[in-house]
Amino acid sequence: MAMQQEATSTGGGGDSGVEHNAAAVPIPGPAADDLESGMKPITKPSPGRASLPHSRQGSMHSQRLGTASANGDGEGNADDNESEFPWGPSHPCFPHLNPHVPLNSPLYENTRIIRIKRDWMVKGDLAPTFANLYPEILDPLIPEDSFRDIIKKVNDSLVHAFNPLGFRAWLDAVMGVATFWLWDDAGLTAVKRQLADLEKWLDDWNRKVGEKEGVRIIPLRRTGYLTLDIQIPDPHIGELGTDSRPNTQQDNLANASSQQLGQYAVYPNTPTLQVNASSPVAIEGQS
């Protein structure tokens, strides 16, 4: 009887140990790429800032990013930004020539334009809105937080001004037809007043904030609300070993003409026909 009780107790202990081990093993979850699991795939967030390529002169943030990449952190983000935005005029950090100043002005040589493109995913064609993508070349002239505040202020003002479904939009339309558009000519519409307020806000920002760093936001009327141009001092970032001034059509024509002159200068000119008085041709012509 004692041996039977001992066997029973031993068998019961073995079963409890098996159950304890089975409870300790974690149950594997579904794979992230399993479409039948019902889990939403992990989407990569869109980059919130555009970085300079590693071959160009970078800002303090790019240097920190390069250090992190060397340690194994942030390498993927830097490579993704560099591959998504190839260096050229379409890159958010590319310094364009300043078309808003005279060609003979010192500002034409000493300043460049950073263009913020339109963001058609916000309101489509209903209102002009601009991309909230921070160009790293603005660091430290315009901090990232200040840049996003500017974009938010501009986008909110433009969306509110160009809202076609608001009460004031319908009232301005009715008053314009009733007065044969004298209401519009007098500047009494809400959209003109709100756009004027936005231009005044940009002028105040240029005078109070941007003038200290040599930065100026170009009025939106000059760009036709197609881009938000920011004037900055020339960062001297362009092609490798050159400044930020790209080759223009005049430069190409000058280079082509110099090449043509060098190519045809080795050939002698065709001598002109010289007829002397004693030559047979002159004697035959006189006779």
Protein backbone atom coordinates (compact mmCIF):
# COMPACT_ATOMS: atom_id res chain seq x y z
CA MET A 1 0.00 0.00 0.00
CA ALA A 2 2.84 2.38 0.83
CA MET A 3 4.56 1.58 -2.47
CA GLN A 4 1.32 2.32 -4.40
CA GLN A 5 0.87 5.67 -2.69
CA GLU A 6 4.49 6.59 -3.45
CA ALA A 7 4.03 5.70 -7.14
CA THR A 8 0.84 7.72 -7.26
CA SER A 9 2.52 10.76 -5.73
CA THR A 10 5.46 10.42 -8.11
CA GLY A 11 3.19 10.21 -11.13
CA GLY A 12 1.21 13.25 -10.02
CA GLY A 13 4.40 15.30 -9.60
CA GLY A 14 5.51 14.38 -13.13
CA ASP A 15 2.22 15.56 -14.64
CA SER A 16 2.41 18.91 -12.82
CA GLY A 17 5.99 19.41 -14.09
CA VAL A 18 4.89 18.80 -17.69
CA GLU A 19 2.03 21.25 -17.29
CA HIS A 20 4.41 23.86 -15.78
CA ASN A 21 6.87 23.50 -18.68
CA ALA A 22 4.08 23.76 -21.26
CA ALA A 23 2.81 26.95 -19.64
CA ALA A 24 6.31 28.49 -19.68
CA VAL A 25 6.74 28.10 -23.46
CA PRO A 26 5.43 31.28 -25.22
CA ILE A 27 2.95 30.89 -28.01
CA PRO A 28 4.42 32.32 -31.24
CA GLY A 29 2.43 35.13 -32.79
CA PRO A 30 1.64 35.61 -36.47
CA ALA A 31 4.35 36.89 -38.76
CA ALA A 32 4.35 40.55 -39.68
CA ASP A 33 4.08 39.77 -43.40
CA ASP A 34 1.29 37.22 -42.98
CA LEU A 35 -1.70 38.57 -44.90
CA GLU A 36 -4.12 35.98 -43.44
CA SER A 37 -3.46 37.02 -39.85
CA GLY A 38 -5.59 40.13 -40.20
CA MET A 39 -2.85 42.39 -38.83
CA LYS A 40 -2.24 45.70 -40.58
CA PRO A 41 1.13 45.83 -42.33
CA ILE A 42 3.69 48.15 -40.79
CA THR A 43 3.92 51.10 -43.13
CA LYS A 44 7.02 53.23 -43.16
CA PRO A 45 6.25 56.82 -42.18
CA SER A 46 7.03 59.51 -44.73
CA PRO A 47 10.20 61.46 -43.96
CA GLY A 48 9.58 64.76 -42.21
CA ARG A 49 12.81 66.36 -43.41
CA ALA A 50 15.00 66.24 -46.49
CA SER A 51 18.68 65.67 -45.78
CA LEU A 52 21.65 66.78 -47.82
CA PRO A 53 23.59 64.07 -49.65
CA HIS A 54 26.73 62.85 -47.87
CA SER A 55 28.89 64.23 -50.69
CA ARG A 56 27.69 67.78 -50.02
CA GLN A 57 28.43 70.11 -47.16
CA GLY A 58 25.92 69.38 -44.41
CA SER A 59 24.59 71.16 -41.38
CA MET A 60 25.03 70.26 -37.75
CA HIS A 61 22.09 67.87 -37.94
CA SER A 62 23.57 66.05 -40.93
CA GLN A 63 26.87 65.70 -39.11
CA ARG A 64 25.05 64.21 -36.13
CA LEU A 65 23.15 61.94 -38.50
CA GLY A 66 26.41 60.81 -40.10
CA THR A 67 27.86 60.03 -36.69
CA ALA A 68 24.79 58.01 -35.78
CA SER A 69 25.02 56.12 -39.07
CA ALA A 70 28.62 55.22 -38.34
CA ASN A 71 27.47 53.74 -35.02
CA GLY A 72 24.68 51.83 -36.73
CA ASP A 73 21.80 54.20 -35.90
CA GLY A 74 19.83 56.21 -38.45
CA GLU A 75 21.60 54.63 -41.42
CA GLY A 76 18.35 53.51 -43.00
CA ASN A 77 16.71 56.95 -42.82
CA ALA A 78 19.70 58.68 -44.38
CA ASP A 79 19.90 56.18 -47.24
CA ASP A 80 16.14 56.38 -47.84
CA ASN A 81 16.13 60.19 -47.98
CA GLU A 82 19.12 60.24 -50.30
CA SER A 83 17.58 57.70 -52.66
CA GLU A 84 14.14 59.31 -52.65
CA PHE A 85 15.46 62.78 -53.47
CA PRO A 86 18.32 62.60 -56.00
CA TRP A 87 20.51 65.67 -55.99
CA GLY A 88 19.44 68.24 -58.56
CA PRO A 89 16.96 71.09 -59.05
CA SER A 90 14.13 68.86 -57.82
CA HIS A 91 15.86 68.22 -54.48
CA PRO A 92 14.23 70.16 -51.59
CA CYS A 93 17.67 71.42 -50.46
CA PHE A 94 18.91 72.52 -53.88
CA PRO A 95 19.89 76.23 -53.88
CA HIS A 96 18.35 77.93 -56.93
CA LEU A 97 19.45 81.20 -58.45
CA ASN A 98 17.49 84.16 -57.13
CA PRO A 99 15.03 85.28 -59.84
CA HIS A 100 13.44 87.90 -57.56
CA VAL A 101 16.33 90.38 -57.70
CA PRO A 102 18.00 92.19 -60.63
CA LEU A 103 20.81 90.37 -62.41
CA ASN A 104 23.31 93.13 -61.62
CA SER A 105 22.37 93.19 -57.94
CA PRO A 106 24.81 91.84 -55.32
CA LEU A 107 21.95 89.75 -53.97
CA TYR A 108 21.92 87.78 -57.22
CA GLU A 109 25.42 86.50 -56.49
CA ASN A 110 25.23 86.29 -52.70
CA THR A 111 21.78 84.75 -52.14
CA ARG A 112 19.99 81.58 -53.19
CA ILE A 113 16.36 80.42 -53.20
CA ILE A 114 15.06 77.30 -51.42
CA ARG A 115 11.72 76.32 -52.95
CA ILE A 116 8.99 74.63 -50.95
CA LYS A 117 6.77 72.76 -53.37
CA ARG A 118 3.00 72.53 -53.42
CA ASP A 119 1.35 69.70 -51.51
CA TRP A 120 -1.61 68.61 -53.60
CA MET A 121 -2.66 65.95 -51.07
CA VAL A 122 -4.00 68.47 -48.53
CA LYS A 123 -6.78 70.24 -50.44
CA GLY A 124 -6.11 69.39 -54.06
CA ASP A 125 -7.09 72.25 -56.35
CA LEU A 126 -9.36 73.96 -53.82
CA ALA A 127 -6.53 75.84 -52.10
CA PRO A 128 -2.77 76.18 -52.60
CA THR A 129 -0.96 74.41 -49.77
CA PHE A 130 2.74 73.68 -49.36
CA ALA A 131 4.66 70.61 -48.28
CA ASN A 132 5.57 70.32 -44.62
CA LEU A 133 8.96 68.82 -45.52
CA TYR A 134 11.82 70.53 -43.73
CA PRO A 135 14.87 71.16 -45.97
CA GLU A 136 17.91 70.54 -43.85
CA ILE A 137 19.81 73.29 -45.65
CA LEU A 138 17.73 75.83 -43.67
CA ASP A 139 19.36 74.66 -40.43
CA PRO A 140 20.25 76.76 -38.40
CA LEU A 141 18.85 79.80 -40.26
CA ILE A 142 15.27 78.63 -39.71
CA PRO A 143 14.82 75.95 -36.99
CA GLU A 144 12.61 73.02 -37.81
CA ASP A 145 9.91 74.04 -35.33
CA SER A 146 9.77 77.57 -36.75
CA PHE A 147 9.59 76.21 -40.28
CA ARG A 148 6.64 73.99 -39.43
CA ASP A 149 4.89 76.89 -37.71
CA ILE A 150 5.32 78.98 -40.87
CA ILE A 151 3.96 76.23 -43.10
CA LYS A 152 1.00 75.67 -40.79
CA LYS A 153 0.20 79.38 -40.67
CA VAL A 154 0.42 79.74 -44.46
CA ASN A 155 -1.58 76.58 -45.22
CA ASP A 156 -4.33 77.36 -42.71
CA SER A 157 -4.68 80.92 -43.99
CA LEU A 158 -4.85 79.81 -47.63
CA VAL A 159 -7.35 77.03 -46.93
CA HIS A 160 -9.60 79.42 -45.03
CA ALA A 161 -9.29 82.13 -47.69
CA PHE A 162 -10.00 79.90 -50.68
CA ASN A 163 -12.79 77.87 -49.07
CA PRO A 164 -15.51 77.80 -51.77
CA LEU A 165 -18.21 76.44 -49.44
CA GLY A 166 -18.14 79.13 -46.78
CA PHE A 167 -20.91 81.68 -46.24
CA ARG A 168 -18.65 84.61 -47.11
CA ALA A 169 -17.68 83.01 -50.41
CA TRP A 170 -21.35 82.77 -51.44
CA LEU A 171 -22.02 86.32 -50.23
CA ASP A 172 -19.09 87.71 -52.22
CA ALA A 173 -20.28 85.86 -55.32
CA VAL A 174 -23.80 87.27 -55.00
CA MET A 175 -22.55 90.79 -54.31
CA GLY A 176 -20.15 90.59 -57.23
CA VAL A 177 -22.93 89.68 -59.66
CA ALA A 178 -25.30 92.29 -58.18
CA THR A 179 -22.74 95.10 -58.50
CA PHE A 180 -21.30 93.96 -61.82
CA TRP A 181 -18.11 92.94 -60.00
CA LEU A 182 -17.51 96.38 -58.54
CA TRP A 183 -17.54 94.60 -55.18
CA ASP A 184 -14.45 92.67 -56.28
CA ASP A 185 -12.73 95.69 -57.80
CA ALA A 186 -13.14 97.62 -54.56
CA GLY A 187 -11.35 94.84 -52.64
CA LEU A 188 -14.30 94.06 -50.40
CA THR A 189 -14.16 90.31 -50.87
CA ALA A 190 -13.00 88.16 -47.98
CA VAL A 191 -10.41 86.27 -50.01
CA LYS A 192 -8.54 89.44 -50.97
CA ARG A 193 -8.56 90.74 -47.42
CA GLN A 194 -7.31 87.44 -45.99
CA LEU A 195 -4.56 87.17 -48.60
CA ALA A 196 -3.48 90.72 -47.82
CA ASP A 197 -3.35 89.83 -44.12
CA LEU A 198 -1.18 86.81 -44.92
CA GLU A 199 1.21 88.94 -46.99
CA LYS A 200 1.42 91.42 -44.12
CA TRP A 201 2.21 88.60 -41.70
CA LEU A 202 5.03 87.38 -43.96
CA ASP A 203 6.43 90.92 -44.18
CA ASP A 204 6.37 91.23 -40.40
CA TRP A 205 8.17 87.89 -40.08
CA ASN A 206 10.83 89.00 -42.55
CA ARG A 207 11.39 92.25 -40.67
CA LYS A 208 11.34 90.88 -37.11
CA VAL A 209 12.80 87.37 -37.48
CA GLY A 210 14.27 86.73 -40.91
CA GLU A 211 16.29 89.93 -41.22
CA LYS A 212 18.51 88.87 -38.32
CA GLU A 213 19.67 85.76 -40.19
CA GLY A 214 19.58 87.21 -43.69
CA VAL A 215 16.51 85.15 -44.55
CA ARG A 216 13.48 86.45 -46.44
CA ILE A 217 10.25 84.76 -47.45
CA ILE A 218 9.26 85.87 -50.94
CA PRO A 219 5.66 87.11 -51.24
CA LEU A 220 3.37 84.41 -52.57
CA ARG A 221 2.00 86.69 -55.28
CA ARG A 222 5.44 86.78 -56.93
CA THR A 223 5.48 82.98 -57.29
CA GLY A 224 1.82 82.68 -58.26
CA TYR A 225 1.19 80.50 -55.18
CA LEU A 226 3.03 77.68 -56.96
CA THR A 227 6.02 77.57 -54.61
CA LEU A 228 7.03 79.09 -51.30
CA ASP A 229 10.43 80.65 -52.00
CA ILE A 230 12.81 81.31 -49.10
CA GLN A 231 15.81 83.53 -49.76
CA ILE A 232 18.94 82.54 -47.83
CA PRO A 233 22.64 83.46 -48.02
CA ASP A 234 24.58 81.46 -50.59
CA PRO A 235 25.54 78.16 -48.87
CA HIS A 236 28.09 77.37 -51.64
CA ILE A 237 26.60 73.96 -52.23
CA GLY A 238 26.44 72.78 -55.83
CA GLU A 239 28.33 70.39 -58.01
CA LEU A 240 31.43 68.80 -56.59
CA GLY A 241 34.26 71.32 -56.42
CA THR A 242 32.09 74.25 -57.57
CA ASP A 243 29.81 76.79 -56.02
CA SER A 244 26.02 76.66 -56.02
CA ARG A 245 25.65 78.50 -59.33
CA PRO A 246 24.61 75.89 -61.94
CA ASN A 247 25.49 76.10 -65.60
CA THR A 248 23.06 78.25 -67.55
CA GLN A 249 22.20 78.34 -71.23
CA GLN A 250 24.54 81.28 -71.79
CA ASP A 251 27.40 79.32 -70.25
CA ASN A 252 26.68 76.39 -72.54
CA LEU A 253 26.66 78.65 -75.60
CA ALA A 254 29.94 80.25 -74.56
CA ASN A 255 31.56 76.85 -74.05
CA ALA A 256 30.26 75.60 -77.40
CA SER A 257 31.56 78.68 -79.25
CA SER A 258 35.00 78.36 -77.64
CA GLN A 259 35.14 74.70 -78.63
CA GLN A 260 34.20 75.52 -82.21
CA LEU A 261 36.86 78.22 -82.44
CA GLY A 262 39.45 75.84 -81.07
CA GLN A 263 38.36 73.14 -83.48
CA TYR A 264 38.49 75.17 -86.68
CA ALA A 265 41.46 77.39 -85.81
CA VAL A 266 43.93 74.74 -87.03
CA TYR A 267 42.62 74.91 -90.62
CA PRO A 268 44.16 77.72 -92.76
CA ASN A 269 41.88 80.13 -94.52
CA THR A 270 41.40 79.68 -98.27
CA PRO A 271 43.66 82.19 -100.09
CA THR A 272 41.93 84.72 -102.29
CA LEU A 273 42.55 84.77 -106.05
CA GLN A 274 45.03 87.52 -106.90
CA VAL A 275 45.40 88.58 -110.58
CA ASN A 276 48.45 90.57 -111.62
CA ALA A 277 48.60 92.84 -114.69
CA SER A 278 51.17 90.59 -116.36
CA SER A 279 49.27 87.36 -115.84
CA PRO A 280 47.66 85.59 -118.85
CA VAL A 281 44.20 85.96 -117.30
CA ALA A 282 44.52 89.78 -117.13
CA ILE A 283 45.91 90.03 -120.69
CA GLU A 284 43.07 87.88 -122.05
CA GLY A 285 40.50 90.00 -120.23
CA GLN A 286 41.94 93.25 -121.61
CA SER A 287 41.86 91.92 -125.17
